[in-house]
């Protein structure tokens, strides 16, 4: 009951279908696929109960779903499934189809020490860049872009020349995950690299056209190639078997081993270097593109010009030595909180 009136009703399955249809209008195709996958898992877990009224859902249902998913997926993936379910039920709450969002009472799992991604050490970055040169193609540019902007692989891969302002030394992004617009100064090693590339008359052309074509389908392909062609030869990760036997329970929905090092580690490295150079937590979050109440409160009017000083202090990984670098040589820095894996 709400204000003495009977709530409108919907079955769990029907509401989930309605919610997914609404999200298809605002979410990118890959994001919507992720939503569909999570909701499908939830409905399968519920079984016949999926055809009962939304109000029949309980905290124990959601808790059981979380724990069942955790048997198959990593902590990060489990928490993402829970986050999507929360959003779905919160939308039902706003439509007065539920009196409370029972998923809001279920906490995400705590990430254990093992499996955390870490930042690259400076010598590791230089080793990676060396392997990029040996591999050829667009790898060096991709790594420099990830290293000096802290953006995710998908946003780096789909970068167009309209987002690059070489004259003023700035680069901008509309982040695919949060939908936020970011504009920041470019570190010298990055701007020098981009200036060396062949110019394009069409601002809609991709900076990394070969990678952009791969990213249209799935960034996982690029990430896998980075692992195999760059990280393995650099001696930073073990080689994976060339052939995998099909085992029941394995595959996309199976729990995967999380490596400490990946392309995403460049994001950790950028954030770590920023903080080591004296940037505040809020400034670092703003540049990287995190959602943060602190950023909203203190940096509402922050612009690209404000990022010039902290970014100018980043070490030059393209040089053989960096004697005065503020970057931690072991990839970590005291009192600097690392990013969580889902960030």
Protein backbone atom coordinates (compact mmCIF):
# COMPACT_ATOMS: atom_id res chain seq x y z
CA UNK A 1 0.00 0.00 0.00
CA UNK A 2 1.19 3.56 -0.80
CA UNK A 3 -0.71 6.44 0.88
CA UNK A 4 -3.61 4.09 1.49
CA UNK A 5 -3.83 3.05 -2.17
CA UNK A 6 -3.17 -0.34 -3.70
CA UNK A 7 0.04 -0.58 -5.69
CA UNK A 8 -0.17 -1.38 -9.40
CA UNK A 9 1.17 -4.89 -10.00
CA UNK A 10 3.52 -6.71 -12.33
CA UNK A 11 5.21 -10.07 -12.34
CA UNK A 12 8.95 -10.13 -11.85
CA UNK A 13 9.48 -11.47 -15.38
CA UNK A 14 7.21 -8.90 -17.03
CA UNK A 15 8.84 -6.00 -15.22
CA UNK A 16 12.34 -7.18 -16.11
CA UNK A 17 11.31 -7.40 -19.75
CA UNK A 18 9.83 -3.89 -19.62
CA UNK A 19 12.94 -2.50 -17.93
CA UNK A 20 15.25 -4.06 -20.52
CA UNK A 21 13.16 -2.59 -23.33
CA UNK A 22 13.45 0.87 -21.81
CA UNK A 23 17.21 0.51 -21.34
CA UNK A 24 17.62 -0.48 -25.00
CA UNK A 25 16.76 3.11 -25.92
CA UNK A 26 19.45 4.70 -23.76
CA UNK A 27 22.24 2.13 -23.34
CA UNK A 28 24.89 1.19 -25.89
CA UNK A 29 24.44 -2.25 -27.50
CA UNK A 30 27.27 -3.90 -25.52
CA UNK A 31 25.97 -2.41 -22.28
CA UNK A 32 22.46 -3.58 -23.03
CA UNK A 33 23.76 -7.08 -23.73
CA UNK A 34 25.31 -7.05 -20.27
CA UNK A 35 21.99 -5.99 -18.74
CA UNK A 36 20.17 -8.77 -20.60
CA UNK A 37 22.70 -11.35 -19.46
CA UNK A 38 22.42 -10.36 -15.79
CA UNK A 39 18.63 -10.26 -15.78
CA UNK A 40 18.47 -13.62 -17.58
CA UNK A 41 20.68 -15.14 -14.89
CA UNK A 42 18.41 -13.71 -12.19
CA UNK A 43 15.21 -15.04 -13.76
CA UNK A 44 16.80 -18.46 -14.24
CA UNK A 45 17.80 -18.46 -10.59
CA UNK A 46 14.24 -17.63 -9.48
CA UNK A 47 12.70 -20.37 -11.60
CA UNK A 48 8.87 -20.48 -11.25
CA UNK A 49 8.96 -17.56 -8.81
CA UNK A 50 9.86 -15.26 -11.71
CA UNK A 51 6.16 -15.35 -12.67
CA UNK A 52 5.01 -14.17 -9.25
CA UNK A 53 4.30 -10.56 -8.29
CA UNK A 54 7.23 -8.21 -7.78
CA UNK A 55 6.16 -7.69 -4.19
CA UNK A 56 6.90 -11.36 -3.51
CA UNK A 57 10.64 -10.74 -3.94
CA UNK A 58 12.59 -10.88 -0.71
CA UNK A 59 16.05 -9.97 0.50
CA UNK A 60 16.81 -13.69 0.80
CA UNK A 61 16.02 -14.14 -2.92
CA UNK A 62 18.56 -11.52 -3.88
CA UNK A 63 21.10 -12.78 -1.35
CA UNK A 64 20.75 -16.30 -2.70
CA UNK A 65 21.22 -15.02 -6.25
CA UNK A 66 24.37 -13.12 -5.28
CA UNK A 67 25.87 -16.16 -3.58
CA UNK A 68 24.97 -18.45 -6.49
CA UNK A 69 26.61 -16.11 -8.99
CA UNK A 70 29.72 -15.88 -6.80
CA UNK A 71 30.28 -19.61 -7.29
CA UNK A 72 30.73 -19.02 -11.03
CA UNK A 73 32.04 -15.50 -11.46
CA UNK A 74 34.68 -13.23 -9.99
CA UNK A 75 33.91 -10.82 -7.15
CA UNK A 76 33.82 -7.89 -9.56
CA UNK A 77 31.45 -9.64 -11.97
CA UNK A 78 29.23 -10.79 -9.11
CA UNK A 79 28.94 -7.26 -7.78
CA UNK A 80 28.14 -5.99 -11.27
CA UNK A 81 25.27 -8.49 -11.57
CA UNK A 82 23.98 -7.26 -8.21
CA UNK A 83 24.33 -3.63 -9.27
CA UNK A 84 22.28 -4.22 -12.43
CA UNK A 85 19.57 -5.98 -10.44
CA UNK A 86 19.47 -3.07 -7.98
CA UNK A 87 18.96 -0.64 -10.86
CA UNK A 88 16.17 -2.76 -12.32
CA UNK A 89 14.31 -2.97 -9.01
CA UNK A 90 14.91 0.69 -8.20
CA UNK A 91 13.14 1.58 -11.45
CA UNK A 92 10.21 -0.61 -10.32
CA UNK A 93 10.20 1.25 -7.00
CA UNK A 94 9.93 4.57 -8.82
CA UNK A 95 6.99 3.20 -10.80
CA UNK A 96 5.26 2.33 -7.49
CA UNK A 97 5.41 -1.37 -8.35
CA UNK A 98 7.28 -2.13 -5.12
CA UNK A 99 7.26 -0.66 -1.63
CA UNK A 100 11.00 -1.17 -1.20
CA UNK A 101 14.01 -2.22 -3.24
CA UNK A 102 15.03 -5.47 -1.56
CA UNK A 103 18.29 -5.57 -3.56
CA UNK A 104 19.43 -2.37 -1.85
CA UNK A 105 19.73 -4.31 1.40
CA UNK A 106 22.17 -6.84 -0.07
CA UNK A 107 25.80 -5.74 0.06
CA UNK A 108 28.34 -6.52 -2.61
CA UNK A 109 31.14 -8.97 -1.91
CA UNK A 110 34.45 -7.76 -0.56
CA UNK A 111 37.40 -8.15 -2.88
CA UNK A 112 40.10 -10.34 -1.37
CA UNK A 113 43.74 -9.41 -1.64
CA UNK A 114 44.51 -11.81 -4.46
CA UNK A 115 43.36 -10.99 -7.99
CA UNK A 116 43.60 -7.22 -7.67
CA UNK A 117 44.93 -5.41 -10.68
CA UNK A 118 47.88 -3.19 -9.95
CA UNK A 119 49.71 -0.32 -11.55
CA UNK A 120 52.72 -0.82 -13.79
CA UNK A 121 56.13 0.11 -12.44
CA UNK A 122 57.93 2.67 -14.58
CA UNK A 123 60.47 0.14 -15.87
CA UNK A 124 57.57 -2.20 -16.74
CA UNK A 125 55.92 0.54 -18.79
CA UNK A 126 59.16 1.06 -20.70
CA UNK A 127 59.39 -2.67 -21.32
CA UNK A 128 55.80 -2.65 -22.60
CA UNK A 129 56.56 0.24 -24.96
CA UNK A 130 59.59 -1.66 -26.25
CA UNK A 131 57.39 -4.66 -27.01
CA UNK A 132 54.87 -2.36 -28.69
CA UNK A 133 57.58 -1.13 -31.06
CA UNK A 134 58.58 -4.70 -31.86
CA UNK A 135 54.97 -5.75 -32.44
CA UNK A 136 54.30 -2.71 -34.63
CA UNK A 137 50.87 -1.46 -35.59
CA UNK A 138 48.95 0.83 -33.25
CA UNK A 139 50.09 -0.65 -29.95
CA UNK A 140 52.44 2.15 -28.92
CA UNK A 141 49.77 4.78 -29.46
CA UNK A 142 47.16 2.78 -27.57
CA UNK A 143 49.46 2.32 -24.59
CA UNK A 144 50.50 5.98 -24.49
CA UNK A 145 46.86 7.07 -24.70
CA UNK A 146 45.85 4.72 -21.88
CA UNK A 147 48.87 5.65 -19.80
CA UNK A 148 48.53 9.43 -20.08
CA UNK A 149 44.74 9.82 -20.04
CA UNK A 150 43.69 6.93 -17.79
CA UNK A 151 40.76 6.11 -20.06
CA UNK A 152 39.28 2.66 -20.62
CA UNK A 153 40.27 0.51 -23.58
CA UNK A 154 36.97 0.99 -25.43
CA UNK A 155 37.18 4.78 -25.23
CA UNK A 156 40.82 4.79 -26.31
CA UNK A 157 40.16 2.44 -29.24
CA UNK A 158 37.28 4.55 -30.58
CA UNK A 159 39.08 7.91 -30.32
CA UNK A 160 38.57 10.19 -33.35
CA UNK A 161 40.62 13.16 -34.51
CA UNK A 162 37.74 15.47 -33.58
CA UNK A 163 38.59 14.70 -29.96
CA UNK A 164 42.24 15.70 -30.34
CA UNK A 165 43.35 19.34 -30.20
CA UNK A 166 47.06 19.27 -31.00
CA UNK A 167 47.28 23.06 -31.18
CA UNK A 168 46.20 23.52 -27.57
CA UNK A 169 47.48 20.15 -26.35
CA UNK A 170 44.13 18.78 -25.24
CA UNK A 171 42.09 15.61 -25.69
CA UNK A 172 38.43 15.02 -24.90
CA UNK A 173 36.28 11.95 -24.25
CA UNK A 174 32.63 11.07 -23.88
CA UNK A 175 33.09 8.07 -21.63
CA UNK A 176 31.12 5.02 -22.68
CA UNK A 177 30.65 3.73 -19.13
CA UNK A 178 29.44 6.89 -17.39
CA UNK A 179 28.41 9.05 -20.37
CA UNK A 180 30.42 11.96 -18.96
CA UNK A 181 32.36 14.47 -21.03
CA UNK A 182 36.02 14.87 -20.09
CA UNK A 183 38.57 17.29 -21.44
CA UNK A 184 42.16 17.25 -20.25
CA UNK A 185 45.61 18.45 -21.09
CA UNK A 186 47.88 16.00 -22.90
CA UNK A 187 51.20 14.98 -21.45
CA UNK A 188 54.13 15.82 -23.71
CA UNK A 189 54.97 12.21 -24.67
CA UNK A 190 51.39 11.68 -25.83
CA UNK A 191 51.05 14.94 -27.76
CA UNK A 192 54.40 14.33 -29.48
CA UNK A 193 53.32 10.86 -30.54
CA UNK A 194 49.97 12.03 -31.92
CA UNK A 195 51.69 14.87 -33.79
CA UNK A 196 53.89 12.28 -35.51
CA UNK A 197 50.92 10.39 -36.95
CA UNK A 198 49.63 11.09 -40.49
CA UNK A 199 47.05 13.86 -40.39
CA UNK A 200 43.46 13.34 -41.48
CA UNK A 201 41.17 15.76 -43.30
CA UNK A 202 38.09 14.14 -41.79
CA UNK A 203 37.71 14.80 -38.05
CA UNK A 204 35.48 11.72 -37.81
CA UNK A 205 38.37 9.43 -38.77
CA UNK A 206 39.66 7.18 -36.02
CA UNK A 207 43.09 7.86 -34.54
CA UNK A 208 43.57 4.08 -34.33
CA UNK A 209 41.47 2.78 -37.26
CA UNK A 210 42.59 -0.85 -37.06
CA UNK A 211 41.79 -1.10 -33.38
CA UNK A 212 38.52 0.79 -33.80
CA UNK A 213 37.28 -1.87 -36.21
CA UNK A 214 38.00 -4.58 -33.66
CA UNK A 215 36.35 -2.56 -30.88
CA UNK A 216 33.07 -2.39 -32.81
CA UNK A 217 32.44 -6.01 -31.90
CA UNK A 218 34.12 -6.47 -28.54
CA UNK A 219 37.05 -4.84 -26.75
CA UNK A 220 37.88 -8.24 -25.28
CA UNK A 221 39.56 -9.13 -28.58
CA UNK A 222 41.94 -6.19 -28.23
CA UNK A 223 42.57 -6.95 -24.58
CA UNK A 224 43.42 -10.57 -25.43
CA UNK A 225 45.81 -9.49 -28.18
CA UNK A 226 47.47 -7.03 -25.80
CA UNK A 227 47.97 -9.88 -23.35
CA UNK A 228 49.41 -12.26 -25.92
CA UNK A 229 51.41 -9.91 -28.15
CA UNK A 230 52.69 -7.40 -25.59
CA UNK A 231 52.48 -8.58 -21.99
CA UNK A 232 53.64 -12.17 -22.57
CA UNK A 233 56.78 -11.21 -24.58
CA UNK A 234 57.47 -8.52 -21.97
CA UNK A 235 57.60 -11.27 -19.35
CA UNK A 236 54.86 -9.66 -17.24
CA UNK A 237 52.27 -12.46 -17.50
CA UNK A 238 52.40 -16.20 -18.18
CA UNK A 239 51.58 -17.49 -21.65
CA UNK A 240 48.14 -19.03 -22.02
CA UNK A 241 47.64 -22.45 -23.61
CA UNK A 242 46.91 -22.14 -27.33
CA UNK A 243 44.12 -24.68 -27.14
CA UNK A 244 41.50 -24.97 -24.45
CA UNK A 245 39.43 -28.06 -23.77
CA UNK A 246 35.73 -27.45 -23.34
CA UNK A 247 34.83 -28.18 -19.76
CA UNK A 248 31.34 -28.08 -18.34
CA UNK A 249 30.81 -24.86 -16.44
CA UNK A 250 33.59 -22.99 -18.23
CA UNK A 251 33.14 -20.23 -20.76
CA UNK A 252 31.76 -16.71 -20.63
CA UNK A 253 29.75 -17.40 -17.48
CA UNK A 254 32.55 -19.20 -15.65
CA UNK A 255 34.85 -17.71 -13.05
CA UNK A 256 38.05 -16.44 -14.64
CA UNK A 257 41.49 -15.88 -13.23
CA UNK A 258 42.11 -12.16 -12.80
CA UNK A 259 45.62 -11.11 -13.75
CA UNK A 260 47.39 -8.38 -11.84
CA UNK A 261 48.49 -6.82 -15.12
CA UNK A 262 46.28 -5.92 -18.10
CA UNK A 263 45.54 -2.93 -20.32
CA UNK A 264 43.35 -1.66 -17.47
CA UNK A 265 46.51 -1.43 -15.36
CA UNK A 266 47.43 1.66 -17.38
CA UNK A 267 44.42 3.34 -15.75
CA UNK A 268 45.74 2.39 -12.32
CA UNK A 269 49.18 3.65 -13.30
CA UNK A 270 47.89 7.03 -14.48
CA UNK A 271 45.93 7.54 -11.27
CA UNK A 272 48.88 6.47 -9.12
CA UNK A 273 51.25 8.81 -10.95
CA UNK A 274 48.83 11.73 -10.64
CA UNK A 275 48.57 11.31 -6.89
CA UNK A 276 52.31 10.79 -6.55
CA UNK A 277 52.85 14.09 -8.36
CA UNK A 278 50.73 15.93 -5.80
CA UNK A 279 47.25 15.91 -7.35
CA UNK A 280 44.41 15.64 -4.85
CA UNK A 281 42.14 12.61 -4.80
CA UNK A 282 39.28 14.71 -6.18
CA UNK A 283 41.45 16.10 -8.98
CA UNK A 284 42.63 12.60 -9.91
CA UNK A 285 39.07 11.28 -9.89
CA UNK A 286 37.89 14.12 -12.10
CA UNK A 287 40.63 13.57 -14.68
CA UNK A 288 40.14 9.81 -14.78
CA UNK A 289 36.38 10.24 -14.99
CA UNK A 290 35.12 8.62 -11.78
CA UNK A 291 31.72 9.37 -10.31
CA UNK A 292 32.35 11.11 -7.03
CA UNK A 293 30.39 13.33 -4.68
CA UNK A 294 33.69 14.98 -3.76
CA UNK A 295 34.36 15.85 -7.39
CA UNK A 296 30.84 17.21 -7.80
CA UNK A 297 31.16 19.35 -4.69
CA UNK A 298 34.61 20.80 -5.28
CA UNK A 299 35.32 20.62 -9.01
CA UNK A 300 31.99 21.42 -10.67
CA UNK A 301 33.64 24.10 -12.81
CA UNK A 302 36.96 22.35 -13.37
CA UNK A 303 38.14 22.58 -16.99
CA UNK A 304 41.00 21.29 -19.13
CA UNK A 305 43.22 24.18 -18.10
CA UNK A 306 43.12 23.03 -14.50
CA UNK A 307 44.64 19.68 -15.50
CA UNK A 308 47.74 21.15 -17.14
CA UNK A 309 49.89 21.33 -14.01
CA UNK A 310 49.28 17.82 -12.59
CA UNK A 311 49.58 16.16 -15.99
CA UNK A 312 52.76 18.09 -16.83
CA UNK A 313 54.41 16.49 -13.80
CA UNK A 314 53.88 12.92 -15.01
CA UNK A 315 57.04 10.98 -15.83
CA UNK A 316 58.08 10.46 -19.44
CA UNK A 317 57.92 6.72 -19.97
CA UNK A 318 59.38 7.10 -23.47
CA UNK A 319 62.77 8.11 -22.01
CA UNK A 320 65.28 5.55 -20.86
CA UNK A 321 65.72 7.18 -17.46
CA UNK A 322 63.65 9.36 -15.19
CA UNK A 323 66.01 10.30 -12.33
CA UNK A 324 63.67 12.88 -10.77
CA UNK A 325 60.41 11.09 -11.43
CA UNK A 326 57.70 11.16 -8.80
CA UNK A 327 56.34 7.88 -10.16
CA UNK A 328 56.87 4.94 -7.81
CA UNK A 329 59.35 2.49 -9.30
CA UNK A 330 57.51 -0.55 -7.97
CA UNK A 331 54.14 0.46 -9.38
CA UNK A 332 52.78 1.47 -5.96
CA UNK A 333 52.95 4.49 -3.71
CA UNK A 334 52.47 4.87 0.02
CA UNK A 335 49.08 6.25 1.10
CA UNK A 336 47.66 5.99 -2.41
CA UNK A 337 44.46 4.01 -2.62
CA UNK A 338 44.37 1.77 -5.73
CA UNK A 339 41.40 1.68 -8.05
CA UNK A 340 39.01 -1.20 -7.60
CA UNK A 341 38.83 -3.71 -10.45
CA UNK A 342 35.46 -2.54 -11.75
CA UNK A 343 36.68 1.03 -12.14
